Amino acid sequence: METFEQKLARLVKEKIAIVPYDPYWPEMFEQERRHLFSCLPKNLIKRVEHFGSTAVPGLSAKPIIDILVEVTSLFETRQRIVPILESQGYEYYWRPSFGDDLPPFYAWFIKRDKAGSRTH
């Protein structure tokens, strides 16, 4: 099993291209937003937002939909949300916010398409 450090080393080596704006990006976000609301515990989810460069109409971006899921409890996220999303193929990372081992922490999930490219 890969360690966190090995996973992160693999991730930072992935090629990422900047592409012209795709008018389908907002719909991709909306589909994922609906999916997240349908499968995650409703009492833990406060809001789901599209952010980052794909959220800006007309802006070239890396074709990865950045989604922020605001939760009521990070502890409950690790206990209840992580198993749900991992069972659906999402990759999960528990990350410090500032590159060290100190809080605040956040849960980071990556979704890939069938070819293995990051989509969310």
PDB file of N, CA and C in Angstrom:
ATOM      1  N   MET A   1       0.844  -1.186   0.000  1.00  0.00           N
ATOM      2  CA  MET A   1       0.000   0.000   0.000  1.00  0.00           C
ATOM      3  C   MET A   1       0.889   1.247   0.000  1.00  0.00           C
ATOM      4  N   GLU A   2       0.543   2.204  -0.831  1.00  0.00           N
ATOM      5  CA  GLU A   2       1.313   3.447  -0.923  1.00  0.00           C
ATOM      6  C   GLU A   2       1.185   4.279   0.349  1.00  0.00           C
ATOM      7  N   THR A   3       2.283   4.874   0.761  1.00  0.00           N
ATOM      8  CA  THR A   3       2.232   5.824   1.867  1.00  0.00           C
ATOM      9  C   THR A   3       1.728   7.157   1.333  1.00  0.00           C
ATOM     10  N   PHE A   4       1.373   8.051   2.248  1.00  0.00           N
ATOM     11  CA  PHE A   4       0.948   9.390   1.841  1.00  0.00           C
ATOM     12  C   PHE A   4       2.044  10.066   1.024  1.00  0.00           C
ATOM     13  N   GLU A   5       3.287   9.955   1.469  1.00  0.00           N
ATOM     14  CA  GLU A   5       4.404  10.590   0.773  1.00  0.00           C
ATOM     15  C   GLU A   5       4.572  10.031  -0.635  1.00  0.00           C
ATOM     16  N   GLN A   6       4.400   8.723  -0.802  1.00  0.00           N
ATOM     17  CA  GLN A   6       4.502   8.109  -2.124  1.00  0.00           C
ATOM     18  C   GLN A   6       3.363   8.571  -3.033  1.00  0.00           C
ATOM     19  N   LYS A   7       2.153   8.635  -2.486  1.00  0.00           N
ATOM     20  CA  LYS A   7       1.011   9.121  -3.269  1.00  0.00           C
ATOM     21  C   LYS A   7       1.250  10.554  -3.730  1.00  0.00           C
ATOM     22  N   LEU A   8       1.700  11.391  -2.801  1.00  0.00           N
ATOM     23  CA  LEU A   8       1.934  12.791  -3.125  1.00  0.00           C
ATOM     24  C   LEU A   8       3.037  12.935  -4.163  1.00  0.00           C
ATOM     25  N   ALA A   9       4.109  12.160  -4.039  1.00  0.00           N
ATOM     26  CA  ALA A   9       5.198  12.198  -5.018  1.00  0.00           C
ATOM     27  C   ALA A   9       4.686  11.804  -6.403  1.00  0.00           C
ATOM     28  N   ARG A  10       3.810  10.806  -6.464  1.00  0.00           N
ATOM     29  CA  ARG A  10       3.221  10.394  -7.741  1.00  0.00           C
ATOM     30  C   ARG A  10       2.351  11.504  -8.316  1.00  0.00           C
ATOM     31  N   LEU A  11       1.558  12.138  -7.461  1.00  0.00           N
ATOM     32  CA  LEU A  11       0.665  13.199  -7.923  1.00  0.00           C
ATOM     33  C   LEU A  11       1.413  14.381  -8.510  1.00  0.00           C
ATOM     34  N   VAL A  12       2.474  14.812  -7.849  1.00  0.00           N
ATOM     35  CA  VAL A  12       3.172  16.011  -8.324  1.00  0.00           C
ATOM     36  C   VAL A  12       3.932  15.756  -9.616  1.00  0.00           C
ATOM     37  N   LYS A  13       4.099  14.499  -9.994  1.00  0.00           N
ATOM     38  CA  LYS A  13       4.764  14.166 -11.259  1.00  0.00           C
ATOM     39  C   LYS A  13       3.784  14.083 -12.425  1.00  0.00           C
ATOM     40  N   GLU A  14       2.487  14.096 -12.130  1.00  0.00           N
ATOM     41  CA  GLU A  14       1.498  14.012 -13.204  1.00  0.00           C
ATOM     42  C   GLU A  14       1.548  15.273 -14.060  1.00  0.00           C
ATOM     43  N   LYS A  15       1.429  15.072 -15.365  1.00  0.00           N
ATOM     44  CA  LYS A  15       1.418  16.210 -16.283  1.00  0.00           C
ATOM     45  C   LYS A  15       0.062  16.894 -16.215  1.00  0.00           C
ATOM     46  N   ILE A  16       0.111  18.209 -16.189  1.00  0.00           N
ATOM     47  CA  ILE A  16      -1.117  19.000 -16.193  1.00  0.00           C
ATOM     48  C   ILE A  16      -0.980  20.049 -17.284  1.00  0.00           C
ATOM     49  N   ALA A  17      -1.975  20.133 -18.142  1.00  0.00           N
ATOM     50  CA  ALA A  17      -1.960  21.096 -19.237  1.00  0.00           C
ATOM     51  C   ALA A  17      -2.985  22.189 -18.970  1.00  0.00           C
ATOM     52  N   ILE A  18      -2.680  23.379 -19.431  1.00  0.00           N
ATOM     53  CA  ILE A  18      -3.652  24.476 -19.426  1.00  0.00           C
ATOM     54  C   ILE A  18      -4.350  24.436 -20.779  1.00  0.00           C
ATOM     55  N   VAL A  19      -5.668  24.399 -20.741  1.00  0.00           N
ATOM     56  CA  VAL A  19      -6.455  24.280 -21.970  1.00  0.00           C
ATOM     57  C   VAL A  19      -7.430  25.451 -22.071  1.00  0.00           C
ATOM     58  N   PRO A  20      -7.935  25.727 -23.283  1.00  0.00           N
ATOM     59  CA  PRO A  20      -8.938  26.784 -23.420  1.00  0.00           C
ATOM     60  C   PRO A  20     -10.185  26.460 -22.601  1.00  0.00           C
ATOM     61  N   TYR A  21     -10.901  27.499 -22.221  1.00  0.00           N
ATOM     62  CA  TYR A  21     -12.132  27.340 -21.447  1.00  0.00           C
ATOM     63  C   TYR A  21     -13.075  26.365 -22.139  1.00  0.00           C
ATOM     64  N   ASP A  22     -13.692  25.500 -21.356  1.00  0.00           N
ATOM     65  CA  ASP A  22     -14.671  24.540 -21.853  1.00  0.00           C
ATOM     66  C   ASP A  22     -16.027  24.896 -21.248  1.00  0.00           C
ATOM     67  N   PRO A  23     -17.001  25.271 -22.068  1.00  0.00           N
ATOM     68  CA  PRO A  23     -18.306  25.652 -21.528  1.00  0.00           C
ATOM     69  C   PRO A  23     -19.033  24.501 -20.825  1.00  0.00           C
ATOM     70  N   TYR A  24     -18.517  23.283 -20.927  1.00  0.00           N
ATOM     71  CA  TYR A  24     -19.104  22.136 -20.245  1.00  0.00           C
ATOM     72  C   TYR A  24     -18.675  22.060 -18.773  1.00  0.00           C
ATOM     73  N   TRP A  25     -17.623  22.776 -18.364  1.00  0.00           N
ATOM     74  CA  TRP A  25     -17.136  22.698 -16.986  1.00  0.00           C
ATOM     75  C   TRP A  25     -18.210  23.010 -15.945  1.00  0.00           C
ATOM     76  N   PRO A  26     -19.019  24.057 -16.114  1.00  0.00           N
ATOM     77  CA  PRO A  26     -20.066  24.293 -15.104  1.00  0.00           C
ATOM     78  C   PRO A  26     -21.043  23.115 -14.975  1.00  0.00           C
ATOM     79  N   GLU A  27     -21.360  22.466 -16.094  1.00  0.00           N
ATOM     80  CA  GLU A  27     -22.255  21.306 -16.038  1.00  0.00           C
ATOM     81  C   GLU A  27     -21.579  20.125 -15.347  1.00  0.00           C
ATOM     82  N   MET A  28     -20.281  19.943 -15.591  1.00  0.00           N
ATOM     83  CA  MET A  28     -19.546  18.876 -14.893  1.00  0.00           C
ATOM     84  C   MET A  28     -19.600  19.110 -13.383  1.00  0.00           C
ATOM     85  N   PHE A  29     -19.409  20.366 -12.980  1.00  0.00           N
ATOM     86  CA  PHE A  29     -19.514  20.682 -11.555  1.00  0.00           C
ATOM     87  C   PHE A  29     -20.914  20.372 -11.043  1.00  0.00           C
ATOM     88  N   GLU A  30     -21.926  20.822 -11.762  1.00  0.00           N
ATOM     89  CA  GLU A  30     -23.304  20.635 -11.302  1.00  0.00           C
ATOM     90  C   GLU A  30     -23.647  19.152 -11.166  1.00  0.00           C
ATOM     91  N   GLN A  31     -23.197  18.333 -12.100  1.00  0.00           N
ATOM     92  CA  GLN A  31     -23.433  16.890 -11.998  1.00  0.00           C
ATOM     93  C   GLN A  31     -22.768  16.320 -10.746  1.00  0.00           C
ATOM     94  N   GLU A  32     -21.530  16.749 -10.490  1.00  0.00           N
ATOM     95  CA  GLU A  32     -20.819  16.244  -9.313  1.00  0.00           C
ATOM     96  C   GLU A  32     -21.451  16.772  -8.027  1.00  0.00           C
ATOM     97  N   ARG A  33     -21.895  18.011  -8.034  1.00  0.00           N
ATOM     98  CA  ARG A  33     -22.563  18.587  -6.860  1.00  0.00           C
ATOM     99  C   ARG A  33     -23.804  17.770  -6.506  1.00  0.00           C
ATOM    100  N   ARG A  34     -24.617  17.478  -7.510  1.00  0.00           N
ATOM    101  CA  ARG A  34     -25.818  16.667  -7.279  1.00  0.00           C
ATOM    102  C   ARG A  34     -25.445  15.280  -6.753  1.00  0.00           C
ATOM    103  N   HIS A  35     -24.421  14.702  -7.338  1.00  0.00           N
ATOM    104  CA  HIS A  35     -23.973  13.380  -6.890  1.00  0.00           C
ATOM    105  C   HIS A  35     -23.538  13.416  -5.426  1.00  0.00           C
ATOM    106  N   LEU A  36     -22.737  14.408  -5.051  1.00  0.00           N
ATOM    107  CA  LEU A  36     -22.255  14.502  -3.673  1.00  0.00           C
ATOM    108  C   LEU A  36     -23.409  14.683  -2.692  1.00  0.00           C
ATOM    109  N   PHE A  37     -24.350  15.552  -3.027  1.00  0.00           N
ATOM    110  CA  PHE A  37     -25.507  15.734  -2.147  1.00  0.00           C
ATOM    111  C   PHE A  37     -26.343  14.456  -2.041  1.00  0.00           C
ATOM    112  N   SER A  38     -26.357  13.656  -3.096  1.00  0.00           N
ATOM    113  CA  SER A  38     -27.178  12.442  -3.062  1.00  0.00           C
ATOM    114  C   SER A  38     -26.527  11.303  -2.281  1.00  0.00           C
ATOM    115  N   CYS A  39     -25.198  11.271  -2.201  1.00  0.00           N
ATOM    116  CA  CYS A  39     -24.555  10.108  -1.578  1.00  0.00           C
ATOM    117  C   CYS A  39     -23.928  10.390  -0.215  1.00  0.00           C
ATOM    118  N   LEU A  40     -23.748  11.643   0.145  1.00  0.00           N
ATOM    119  CA  LEU A  40     -23.087  11.959   1.418  1.00  0.00           C
ATOM    120  C   LEU A  40     -24.111  12.274   2.505  1.00  0.00           C
ATOM    121  N   PRO A  41     -23.745  12.057   3.773  1.00  0.00           N
ATOM    122  CA  PRO A  41     -24.671  12.332   4.881  1.00  0.00           C
ATOM    123  C   PRO A  41     -25.086  13.806   4.909  1.00  0.00           C
ATOM    124  N   LYS A  42     -26.357  14.047   4.764  1.00  0.00           N
ATOM    125  CA  LYS A  42     -26.863  15.418   4.644  1.00  0.00           C
ATOM    126  C   LYS A  42     -26.561  16.271   5.868  1.00  0.00           C
ATOM    127  N   ASN A  43     -26.500  15.657   7.045  1.00  0.00           N
ATOM    128  CA  ASN A  43     -26.244  16.437   8.256  1.00  0.00           C
ATOM    129  C   ASN A  43     -24.786  16.895   8.355  1.00  0.00           C
ATOM    130  N   LEU A  44     -23.908  16.381   7.498  1.00  0.00           N
ATOM    131  CA  LEU A  44     -22.503  16.798   7.515  1.00  0.00           C
ATOM    132  C   LEU A  44     -22.166  17.852   6.468  1.00  0.00           C
ATOM    133  N   ILE A  45     -22.996  17.982   5.443  1.00  0.00           N
ATOM    134  CA  ILE A  45     -22.692  18.870   4.319  1.00  0.00           C
ATOM    135  C   ILE A  45     -23.388  20.212   4.498  1.00  0.00           C
ATOM    136  N   LYS A  46     -22.584  21.286   4.529  1.00  0.00           N
ATOM    137  CA  LYS A  46     -23.157  22.628   4.630  1.00  0.00           C
ATOM    138  C   LYS A  46     -23.367  23.235   3.248  1.00  0.00           C
ATOM    139  N   ARG A  47     -22.356  23.100   2.378  1.00  0.00           N
ATOM    140  CA  ARG A  47     -22.488  23.632   1.021  1.00  0.00           C
ATOM    141  C   ARG A  47     -21.451  22.976   0.125  1.00  0.00           C
ATOM    142  N   VAL A  48     -21.691  23.064  -1.188  1.00  0.00           N
ATOM    143  CA  VAL A  48     -20.775  22.543  -2.197  1.00  0.00           C
ATOM    144  C   VAL A  48     -20.585  23.652  -3.222  1.00  0.00           C
ATOM    145  N   GLU A  49     -19.325  24.074  -3.418  1.00  0.00           N
ATOM    146  CA  GLU A  49     -19.031  25.215  -4.289  1.00  0.00           C
ATOM    147  C   GLU A  49     -18.006  24.852  -5.360  1.00  0.00           C
ATOM    148  N   HIS A  50     -18.176  25.444  -6.531  1.00  0.00           N
ATOM    149  CA  HIS A  50     -17.213  25.338  -7.633  1.00  0.00           C
ATOM    150  C   HIS A  50     -16.255  26.514  -7.493  1.00  0.00           C
ATOM    151  N   PHE A  51     -14.956  26.228  -7.401  1.00  0.00           N
ATOM    152  CA  PHE A  51     -13.982  27.309  -7.282  1.00  0.00           C
ATOM    153  C   PHE A  51     -12.786  26.994  -8.170  1.00  0.00           C
ATOM    154  N   GLY A  52     -11.848  27.897  -8.221  1.00  0.00           N
ATOM    155  CA  GLY A  52     -10.665  27.689  -9.050  1.00  0.00           C
ATOM    156  C   GLY A  52     -10.893  28.161 -10.473  1.00  0.00           C
ATOM    157  N   SER A  53      -9.908  27.912 -11.309  1.00  0.00           N
ATOM    158  CA  SER A  53      -9.918  28.486 -12.656  1.00  0.00           C
ATOM    159  C   SER A  53     -11.041  27.959 -13.535  1.00  0.00           C
ATOM    160  N   THR A  54     -11.494  26.720 -13.353  1.00  0.00           N
ATOM    161  CA  THR A  54     -12.588  26.216 -14.192  1.00  0.00           C
ATOM    162  C   THR A  54     -13.925  26.861 -13.840  1.00  0.00           C
ATOM    163  N   ALA A  55     -13.979  27.566 -12.736  1.00  0.00           N
ATOM    164  CA  ALA A  55     -15.214  28.251 -12.329  1.00  0.00           C
ATOM    165  C   ALA A  55     -15.325  29.643 -12.939  1.00  0.00           C
ATOM    166  N   VAL A  56     -14.287  30.090 -13.640  1.00  0.00           N
ATOM    167  CA  VAL A  56     -14.272  31.441 -14.212  1.00  0.00           C
ATOM    168  C   VAL A  56     -14.581  31.345 -15.706  1.00  0.00           C
ATOM    169  N   PRO A  57     -15.768  31.790 -16.134  1.00  0.00           N
ATOM    170  CA  PRO A  57     -16.130  31.706 -17.548  1.00  0.00           C
ATOM    171  C   PRO A  57     -15.093  32.390 -18.440  1.00  0.00           C
ATOM    172  N   GLY A  58     -14.688  31.678 -19.492  1.00  0.00           N
ATOM    173  CA  GLY A  58     -13.764  32.229 -20.470  1.00  0.00           C
ATOM    174  C   GLY A  58     -12.292  32.079 -20.137  1.00  0.00           C
ATOM    175  N   LEU A  59     -11.954  31.630 -18.939  1.00  0.00           N
ATOM    176  CA  LEU A  59     -10.561  31.538 -18.510  1.00  0.00           C
ATOM    177  C   LEU A  59      -9.965  30.177 -18.877  1.00  0.00           C
ATOM    178  N   SER A  60      -8.792  30.195 -19.493  1.00  0.00           N
ATOM    179  CA  SER A  60      -8.070  28.943 -19.720  1.00  0.00           C
ATOM    180  C   SER A  60      -7.705  28.350 -18.363  1.00  0.00           C
ATOM    181  N   ALA A  61      -7.630  27.022 -18.301  1.00  0.00           N
ATOM    182  CA  ALA A  61      -7.418  26.378 -17.002  1.00  0.00           C
ATOM    183  C   ALA A  61      -6.904  24.960 -17.188  1.00  0.00           C
ATOM    184  N   LYS A  62      -6.429  24.375 -16.097  1.00  0.00           N
ATOM    185  CA  LYS A  62      -6.180  22.933 -16.117  1.00  0.00           C
ATOM    186  C   LYS A  62      -7.567  22.286 -16.028  1.00  0.00           C
ATOM    187  N   PRO A  63      -7.827  21.250 -16.805  1.00  0.00           N
ATOM    188  CA  PRO A  63      -9.182  20.694 -16.883  1.00  0.00           C
ATOM    189  C   PRO A  63      -9.539  19.794 -15.695  1.00  0.00           C
ATOM    190  N   ILE A  64      -9.431  20.359 -14.500  1.00  0.00           N
ATOM    191  CA  ILE A  64      -9.768  19.657 -13.266  1.00  0.00           C
ATOM    192  C   ILE A  64     -10.766  20.530 -12.512  1.00  0.00           C
ATOM    193  N   ILE A  65     -11.946  20.014 -12.247  1.00  0.00           N
ATOM    194  CA  ILE A  65     -12.993  20.775 -11.576  1.00  0.00           C
ATOM    195  C   ILE A  65     -12.699  20.796 -10.077  1.00  0.00           C
ATOM    196  N   ASP A  66     -12.364  21.971  -9.555  1.00  0.00           N
ATOM    197  CA  ASP A  66     -12.111  22.122  -8.119  1.00  0.00           C
ATOM    198  C   ASP A  66     -13.437  22.350  -7.405  1.00  0.00           C
ATOM    199  N   ILE A  67     -13.692  21.523  -6.401  1.00  0.00           N
ATOM    200  CA  ILE A  67     -14.949  21.579  -5.663  1.00  0.00           C
ATOM    201  C   ILE A  67     -14.643  21.655  -4.177  1.00  0.00           C
ATOM    202  N   LEU A  68     -15.272  22.601  -3.520  1.00  0.00           N
ATOM    203  CA  LEU A  68     -15.145  22.738  -2.070  1.00  0.00           C
ATOM    204  C   LEU A  68     -16.420  22.211  -1.431  1.00  0.00           C
ATOM    205  N   VAL A  69     -16.272  21.248  -0.539  1.00  0.00           N
ATOM    206  CA  VAL A  69     -17.406  20.737   0.226  1.00  0.00           C
ATOM    207  C   VAL A  69     -17.195  21.184   1.664  1.00  0.00           C
ATOM    208  N   GLU A  70     -18.035  22.092   2.119  1.00  0.00           N
ATOM    209  CA  GLU A  70     -17.948  22.557   3.505  1.00  0.00           C
ATOM    210  C   GLU A  70     -18.701  21.572   4.386  1.00  0.00           C
ATOM    211  N   VAL A  71     -18.015  21.087   5.420  1.00  0.00           N
ATOM    212  CA  VAL A  71     -18.595  20.081   6.312  1.00  0.00           C
ATOM    213  C   VAL A  71     -18.705  20.622   7.729  1.00  0.00           C
ATOM    214  N   THR A  72     -19.545  19.993   8.515  1.00  0.00           N
ATOM    215  CA  THR A  72     -19.736  20.416   9.906  1.00  0.00           C
ATOM    216  C   THR A  72     -18.707  19.813  10.844  1.00  0.00           C
ATOM    217  N   SER A  73     -18.032  18.735  10.415  1.00  0.00           N
ATOM    218  CA  SER A  73     -17.065  18.074  11.296  1.00  0.00           C
ATOM    219  C   SER A  73     -16.009  17.338  10.477  1.00  0.00           C
ATOM    220  N   LEU A  74     -14.733  17.699  10.669  1.00  0.00           N
ATOM    221  CA  LEU A  74     -13.668  16.960   9.994  1.00  0.00           C
ATOM    222  C   LEU A  74     -13.527  15.554  10.566  1.00  0.00           C
ATOM    223  N   PHE A  75     -13.764  15.398  11.863  1.00  0.00           N
ATOM    224  CA  PHE A  75     -13.719  14.062  12.460  1.00  0.00           C
ATOM    225  C   PHE A  75     -14.750  13.153  11.799  1.00  0.00           C
ATOM    226  N   GLU A  76     -15.985  13.637  11.680  1.00  0.00           N
ATOM    227  CA  GLU A  76     -17.047  12.850  11.046  1.00  0.00           C
ATOM    228  C   GLU A  76     -16.757  12.626   9.565  1.00  0.00           C
ATOM    229  N   THR A  77     -16.100  13.586   8.925  1.00  0.00           N
ATOM    230  CA  THR A  77     -15.713  13.407   7.524  1.00  0.00           C
ATOM    231  C   THR A  77     -14.823  12.182   7.390  1.00  0.00           C
ATOM    232  N   ARG A  78     -13.829  12.086   8.257  1.00  0.00           N
ATOM    233  CA  ARG A  78     -12.910  10.942   8.197  1.00  0.00           C
ATOM    234  C   ARG A  78     -13.632   9.634   8.510  1.00  0.00           C
ATOM    235  N   GLN A  79     -14.604   9.677   9.400  1.00  0.00           N
ATOM    236  CA  GLN A  79     -15.315   8.467   9.808  1.00  0.00           C
ATOM    237  C   GLN A  79     -16.391   8.040   8.808  1.00  0.00           C
ATOM    238  N   ARG A  80     -17.086   9.007   8.207  1.00  0.00           N
ATOM    239  CA  ARG A  80     -18.274   8.674   7.417  1.00  0.00           C
ATOM    240  C   ARG A  80     -18.158   8.995   5.933  1.00  0.00           C
ATOM    241  N   ILE A  81     -17.565  10.129   5.579  1.00  0.00           N
ATOM    242  CA  ILE A  81     -17.507  10.523   4.169  1.00  0.00           C
ATOM    243  C   ILE A  81     -16.398   9.789   3.426  1.00  0.00           C
ATOM    244  N   VAL A  82     -15.233   9.675   4.045  1.00  0.00           N
ATOM    245  CA  VAL A  82     -14.103   9.012   3.381  1.00  0.00           C
ATOM    246  C   VAL A  82     -14.471   7.612   2.892  1.00  0.00           C
ATOM    247  N   PRO A  83     -15.075   6.752   3.727  1.00  0.00           N
ATOM    248  CA  PRO A  83     -15.415   5.411   3.221  1.00  0.00           C
ATOM    249  C   PRO A  83     -16.381   5.436   2.035  1.00  0.00           C
ATOM    250  N   ILE A  84     -17.319   6.362   2.054  1.00  0.00           N
ATOM    251  CA  ILE A  84     -18.283   6.451   0.949  1.00  0.00           C
ATOM    252  C   ILE A  84     -17.562   6.795  -0.346  1.00  0.00           C
ATOM    253  N   LEU A  85     -16.751   7.850  -0.323  1.00  0.00           N
ATOM    254  CA  LEU A  85     -16.099   8.294  -1.554  1.00  0.00           C
ATOM    255  C   LEU A  85     -15.007   7.325  -2.008  1.00  0.00           C
ATOM    256  N   GLU A  86     -14.270   6.748  -1.077  1.00  0.00           N
ATOM    257  CA  GLU A  86     -13.267   5.751  -1.481  1.00  0.00           C
ATOM    258  C   GLU A  86     -13.928   4.542  -2.132  1.00  0.00           C
ATOM    259  N   SER A  87     -15.099   4.146  -1.648  1.00  0.00           N
ATOM    260  CA  SER A  87     -15.792   2.999  -2.247  1.00  0.00           C
ATOM    261  C   SER A  87     -16.250   3.304  -3.672  1.00  0.00           C
ATOM    262  N   GLN A  88     -16.311   4.588  -4.021  1.00  0.00           N
ATOM    263  CA  GLN A  88     -16.700   5.005  -5.368  1.00  0.00           C
ATOM    264  C   GLN A  88     -15.485   5.313  -6.241  1.00  0.00           C
ATOM    265  N   GLY A  89     -14.287   5.019  -5.728  1.00  0.00           N
ATOM    266  CA  GLY A  89     -13.082   5.192  -6.529  1.00  0.00           C
ATOM    267  C   GLY A  89     -12.332   6.494  -6.346  1.00  0.00           C
ATOM    268  N   TYR A  90     -12.818   7.370  -5.476  1.00  0.00           N
ATOM    269  CA  TYR A  90     -12.092   8.607  -5.211  1.00  0.00           C
ATOM    270  C   TYR A  90     -10.814   8.279  -4.443  1.00  0.00           C
ATOM    271  N   GLU A  91      -9.745   9.021  -4.727  1.00  0.00           N
ATOM    272  CA  GLU A  91      -8.518   8.926  -3.940  1.00  0.00           C
ATOM    273  C   GLU A  91      -8.644   9.922  -2.791  1.00  0.00           C
ATOM    274  N   TYR A  92      -8.183   9.524  -1.615  1.00  0.00           N
ATOM    275  CA  TYR A  92      -8.329  10.359  -0.418  1.00  0.00           C
ATOM    276  C   TYR A  92      -6.968  10.704   0.168  1.00  0.00           C
ATOM    277  N   TYR A  93      -6.817  11.975   0.557  1.00  0.00           N
ATOM    278  CA  TYR A  93      -5.598  12.472   1.198  1.00  0.00           C
ATOM    279  C   TYR A  93      -6.002  13.352   2.376  1.00  0.00           C
ATOM    280  N   TRP A  94      -5.413  13.134   3.524  1.00  0.00           N
ATOM    281  CA  TRP A  94      -5.607  13.994   4.697  1.00  0.00           C
ATOM    282  C   TRP A  94      -4.423  14.935   4.715  1.00  0.00           C
ATOM    283  N   ARG A  95      -4.666  16.224   4.522  1.00  0.00           N
ATOM    284  CA  ARG A  95      -3.582  17.167   4.279  1.00  0.00           C
ATOM    285  C   ARG A  95      -3.561  18.299   5.282  1.00  0.00           C
ATOM    286  N   PRO A  96      -2.362  18.694   5.708  1.00  0.00           N
ATOM    287  CA  PRO A  96      -2.246  19.955   6.442  1.00  0.00           C
ATOM    288  C   PRO A  96      -2.404  21.100   5.450  1.00  0.00           C
ATOM    289  N   SER A  97      -2.899  22.222   5.898  1.00  0.00           N
ATOM    290  CA  SER A  97      -3.146  23.351   5.003  1.00  0.00           C
ATOM    291  C   SER A  97      -1.883  24.080   4.573  1.00  0.00           C
ATOM    292  N   PHE A  98      -0.844  24.030   5.389  1.00  0.00           N
ATOM    293  CA  PHE A  98       0.318  24.864   5.123  1.00  0.00           C
ATOM    294  C   PHE A  98       1.593  24.073   4.874  1.00  0.00           C
ATOM    295  N   GLY A  99       1.506  22.826   4.462  1.00  0.00           N
ATOM    296  CA  GLY A  99       2.680  22.063   4.109  1.00  0.00           C
ATOM    297  C   GLY A  99       3.455  21.490   5.278  1.00  0.00           C
ATOM    298  N   ASP A 100       2.904  21.575   6.477  1.00  0.00           N
ATOM    299  CA  ASP A 100       3.560  20.969   7.629  1.00  0.00           C
ATOM    300  C   ASP A 100       2.571  20.032   8.323  1.00  0.00           C
ATOM    301  N   ASP A 101       2.904  19.600   9.497  1.00  0.00           N
ATOM    302  CA  ASP A 101       2.024  18.658  10.192  1.00  0.00           C
ATOM    303  C   ASP A 101       1.112  19.321  11.208  1.00  0.00           C
ATOM    304  N   LEU A 102       0.918  20.615  11.079  1.00  0.00           N
ATOM    305  CA  LEU A 102       0.093  21.351  12.035  1.00  0.00           C
ATOM    306  C   LEU A 102      -1.264  21.674  11.425  1.00  0.00           C
ATOM    307  N   PRO A 103      -2.287  21.806  12.257  1.00  0.00           N
ATOM    308  CA  PRO A 103      -3.604  22.186  11.741  1.00  0.00           C
ATOM    309  C   PRO A 103      -3.575  23.614  11.204  1.00  0.00           C
ATOM    310  N   PRO A 104      -4.535  24.020  10.424  1.00  0.00           N
ATOM    311  CA  PRO A 104      -5.745  23.258  10.102  1.00  0.00           C
ATOM    312  C   PRO A 104      -5.479  22.216   9.016  1.00  0.00           C
ATOM    313  N   PHE A 105      -6.224  21.135   9.089  1.00  0.00           N
ATOM    314  CA  PHE A 105      -6.126  20.062   8.119  1.00  0.00           C
ATOM    315  C   PHE A 105      -7.345  20.093   7.201  1.00  0.00           C
ATOM    316  N   TYR A 106      -7.240  19.392   6.097  1.00  0.00           N
ATOM    317  CA  TYR A 106      -8.407  19.242   5.233  1.00  0.00           C
ATOM    318  C   TYR A 106      -8.358  17.885   4.547  1.00  0.00           C
ATOM    319  N   ALA A 107      -9.520  17.427   4.140  1.00  0.00           N
ATOM    320  CA  ALA A 107      -9.636  16.185   3.385  1.00  0.00           C
ATOM    321  C   ALA A 107      -9.627  16.554   1.908  1.00  0.00           C
ATOM    322  N   TRP A 108      -8.778  15.898   1.155  1.00  0.00           N
ATOM    323  CA  TRP A 108      -8.629  16.171  -0.272  1.00  0.00           C
ATOM    324  C   TRP A 108      -8.973  14.891  -1.015  1.00  0.00           C
ATOM    325  N   PHE A 109      -9.893  14.989  -1.968  1.00  0.00           N
ATOM    326  CA  PHE A 109     -10.309  13.843  -2.766  1.00  0.00           C
ATOM    327  C   PHE A 109     -10.019  14.120  -4.231  1.00  0.00           C
ATOM    328  N   ILE A 110      -9.612  13.088  -4.936  1.00  0.00           N
ATOM    329  CA  ILE A 110      -9.369  13.194  -6.373  1.00  0.00           C
ATOM    330  C   ILE A 110     -10.254  12.174  -7.072  1.00  0.00           C
ATOM    331  N   LYS A 111     -10.928  12.639  -8.114  1.00  0.00           N
ATOM    332  CA  LYS A 111     -11.743  11.751  -8.937  1.00  0.00           C
ATOM    333  C   LYS A 111     -11.078  11.669 -10.307  1.00  0.00           C
ATOM    334  N   ARG A 112     -11.055  10.478 -10.869  1.00  0.00           N
ATOM    335  CA  ARG A 112     -10.431  10.268 -12.179  1.00  0.00           C
ATOM    336  C   ARG A 112     -11.445   9.684 -13.163  1.00  0.00           C
ATOM    337  N   ASP A 113     -11.180   9.927 -14.446  1.00  0.00           N
ATOM    338  CA  ASP A 113     -12.017   9.311 -15.473  1.00  0.00           C
ATOM    339  C   ASP A 113     -11.503   7.893 -15.746  1.00  0.00           C
ATOM    340  N   LYS A 114     -12.129   7.205 -16.677  1.00  0.00           N
ATOM    341  CA  LYS A 114     -11.755   5.813 -16.959  1.00  0.00           C
ATOM    342  C   LYS A 114     -10.334   5.681 -17.484  1.00  0.00           C
ATOM    343  N   ALA A 115      -9.802   6.748 -18.089  1.00  0.00           N
ATOM    344  CA  ALA A 115      -8.429   6.725 -18.599  1.00  0.00           C
ATOM    345  C   ALA A 115      -7.407   7.031 -17.508  1.00  0.00           C
ATOM    346  N   GLY A 116      -7.879   7.402 -16.317  1.00  0.00           N
ATOM    347  CA  GLY A 116      -6.977   7.697 -15.212  1.00  0.00           C
ATOM    348  C   GLY A 116      -6.618   9.157 -15.050  1.00  0.00           C
ATOM    349  N   SER A 117      -7.199  10.024 -15.877  1.00  0.00           N
ATOM    350  CA  SER A 117      -6.928  11.459 -15.768  1.00  0.00           C
ATOM    351  C   SER A 117      -7.774  12.076 -14.665  1.00  0.00           C
ATOM    352  N   ARG A 118      -7.191  13.021 -13.945  1.00  0.00           N
ATOM    353  CA  ARG A 118      -7.931  13.715 -12.888  1.00  0.00           C
ATOM    354  C   ARG A 118      -9.025  14.567 -13.511  1.00  0.00           C
ATOM    355  N   THR A 119     -10.215  14.472 -12.967  1.00  0.00           N
ATOM    356  CA  THR A 119     -11.331  15.294 -13.442  1.00  0.00           C
ATOM    357  C   THR A 119     -11.853  16.219 -12.355  1.00  0.00           C
ATOM    358  N   HIS A 120     -11.759  15.801 -11.103  1.00  0.00           N
ATOM    359  CA  HIS A 120     -12.254  16.585  -9.971  1.00  0.00           C
ATOM    360  C   HIS A 120     -11.254  16.473  -8.843  1.00  0.00           C
TER     361      HIS A 120
END
